[in-house]
Protein backbone atom coordinates (compact mmCIF):
# COMPACT_ATOMS: atom_id res chain seq x y z
CA UNK A 1 -3.16 95.73 181.84
CA UNK A 2 -4.18 93.57 178.88
CA UNK A 3 -6.40 94.78 176.09
CA UNK A 4 -9.20 92.58 177.42
CA UNK A 5 -9.36 94.35 180.77
CA UNK A 6 -11.68 97.35 181.02
CA UNK A 7 -9.85 100.65 180.97
CA UNK A 8 -11.22 103.26 183.39
CA UNK A 9 -10.17 106.00 180.96
CA UNK A 10 -12.23 104.62 178.08
CA UNK A 11 -15.70 103.30 177.28
CA UNK A 12 -17.83 102.69 174.20
CA UNK A 13 -21.57 103.13 173.90
CA UNK A 14 -23.25 101.47 170.91
CA UNK A 15 -26.83 102.20 169.91
CA UNK A 16 -28.90 101.11 166.94
CA UNK A 17 -31.13 103.78 165.38
CA UNK A 18 -33.04 102.09 162.60
CA UNK A 19 -30.51 101.15 159.94
CA UNK A 20 -27.78 103.24 161.62
CA UNK A 21 -25.38 101.93 164.23
CA UNK A 22 -24.05 104.78 166.40
CA UNK A 23 -20.79 104.09 168.25
CA UNK A 24 -19.66 106.66 170.79
CA UNK A 25 -16.20 106.07 172.23
CA UNK A 26 -15.24 108.33 175.12
CA UNK A 27 -12.00 108.96 176.92
CA UNK A 28 -8.63 108.04 175.46
CA UNK A 29 -8.51 106.03 172.23
CA UNK A 30 -5.02 104.55 172.10
CA UNK A 31 -3.11 101.30 171.71
CA UNK A 32 -4.62 99.97 174.95
CA UNK A 33 -8.24 100.84 174.13
CA UNK A 34 -8.51 100.36 170.36
CA UNK A 35 -9.32 96.64 170.86
CA UNK A 36 -12.38 97.63 172.92
CA UNK A 37 -13.76 99.84 170.16
CA UNK A 38 -12.92 97.28 167.46
CA UNK A 39 -14.67 94.53 169.44
CA UNK A 40 -17.74 96.70 170.03
CA UNK A 41 -18.01 97.39 166.30
CA UNK A 42 -17.61 93.70 165.38
CA UNK A 43 -20.42 92.64 167.73
CA UNK A 44 -23.00 94.21 165.42
CA UNK A 45 -24.04 93.51 161.86
CA UNK A 46 -26.93 94.22 159.53
CA UNK A 47 -26.64 98.01 159.49
CA UNK A 48 -26.57 100.28 156.45
CA UNK A 49 -24.69 103.11 158.13
CA UNK A 50 -22.06 103.27 160.86
CA UNK A 51 -21.73 106.58 162.64
CA UNK A 52 -18.76 107.01 164.99
CA UNK A 53 -19.06 110.04 167.25
CA UNK A 54 -15.55 111.31 168.05
CA UNK A 55 -16.70 114.26 170.20
CA UNK A 56 -16.29 112.54 173.61
CA UNK A 57 -12.68 111.54 172.92
CA UNK A 58 -10.14 113.46 174.99
CA UNK A 59 -7.18 111.84 173.21
CA UNK A 60 -6.43 109.69 170.17
CA UNK A 61 -3.10 108.27 169.01
CA UNK A 62 -1.98 106.61 165.79
CA UNK A 63 -3.66 103.35 166.86
CA UNK A 64 -7.00 105.14 166.81
CA UNK A 65 -6.21 106.60 163.41
CA UNK A 66 -5.38 103.13 162.08
CA UNK A 67 -8.70 101.81 163.37
CA UNK A 68 -10.63 104.62 161.65
CA UNK A 69 -8.83 104.02 158.36
CA UNK A 70 -9.42 100.27 158.65
CA UNK A 71 -13.10 100.86 159.37
CA UNK A 72 -13.33 103.17 156.35
CA UNK A 73 -11.82 100.47 154.16
CA UNK A 74 -14.09 97.81 155.70
CA UNK A 75 -17.15 99.98 154.99
CA UNK A 76 -16.17 100.33 151.35
CA UNK A 77 -15.71 96.57 151.01
CA UNK A 78 -18.79 95.77 153.08
CA UNK A 79 -21.20 98.04 151.27
CA UNK A 80 -22.24 100.24 154.18
CA UNK A 81 -21.77 103.94 154.78
CA UNK A 82 -19.31 105.22 157.37
CA UNK A 83 -19.60 108.70 158.85
CA UNK A 84 -17.44 110.26 161.57
CA UNK A 85 -18.61 113.10 163.78
CA UNK A 86 -15.82 115.62 164.21
CA UNK A 87 -14.14 115.48 167.60
CA UNK A 88 -12.63 118.09 169.84
CA UNK A 89 -9.63 120.24 169.04
CA UNK A 90 -6.96 117.61 169.79
CA UNK A 91 -8.63 114.88 167.74
CA UNK A 92 -9.35 117.25 164.85
CA UNK A 93 -5.75 118.49 164.90
CA UNK A 94 -4.44 114.91 164.65
CA UNK A 95 -6.72 114.21 161.68
CA UNK A 96 -5.68 117.48 160.02
CA UNK A 97 -1.91 116.99 160.57
CA UNK A 98 -2.08 113.47 159.11
CA UNK A 99 -4.33 114.75 156.30
CA UNK A 100 -6.83 112.02 157.12
CA UNK A 101 -9.46 114.74 157.33
CA UNK A 102 -9.22 114.72 153.53
CA UNK A 103 -9.72 110.95 153.25
CA UNK A 104 -12.19 110.07 155.98
CA UNK A 105 -15.91 111.02 155.87
CA UNK A 106 -15.98 113.68 158.63
CA UNK A 107 -18.91 115.91 159.41
CA UNK A 108 -20.60 117.96 162.08
CA UNK A 109 -23.05 116.23 164.41
CA UNK A 110 -26.16 118.06 163.27
CA UNK A 111 -25.36 117.50 159.59
CA UNK A 112 -24.93 113.77 160.28
CA UNK A 113 -28.18 113.42 162.19
CA UNK A 114 -27.03 113.55 165.82
């Protein structure tokens, strides 16, 4: 499978809510599916806030972590706000073990407006 082929274990929903772009990846975010999420995020511009909802992810590997860090850096350079909705136990554990929970802007869904 190439990264351009759809993966049945992964999908991304993107919705604009005013000045906020909400991206909701679901399934397994890994080396095979990161390009799908990256492409979905690059298709949109002109937003003041990017909200990535991690709750529907059942799995995330280091490729997913790299994408989140890169998006955080891109937001700082691009002048928009990035917010991440905390995911399930496995995703949260990965962020905690790597200490990225201290670097990335994580929050609960209701506090972030979802």
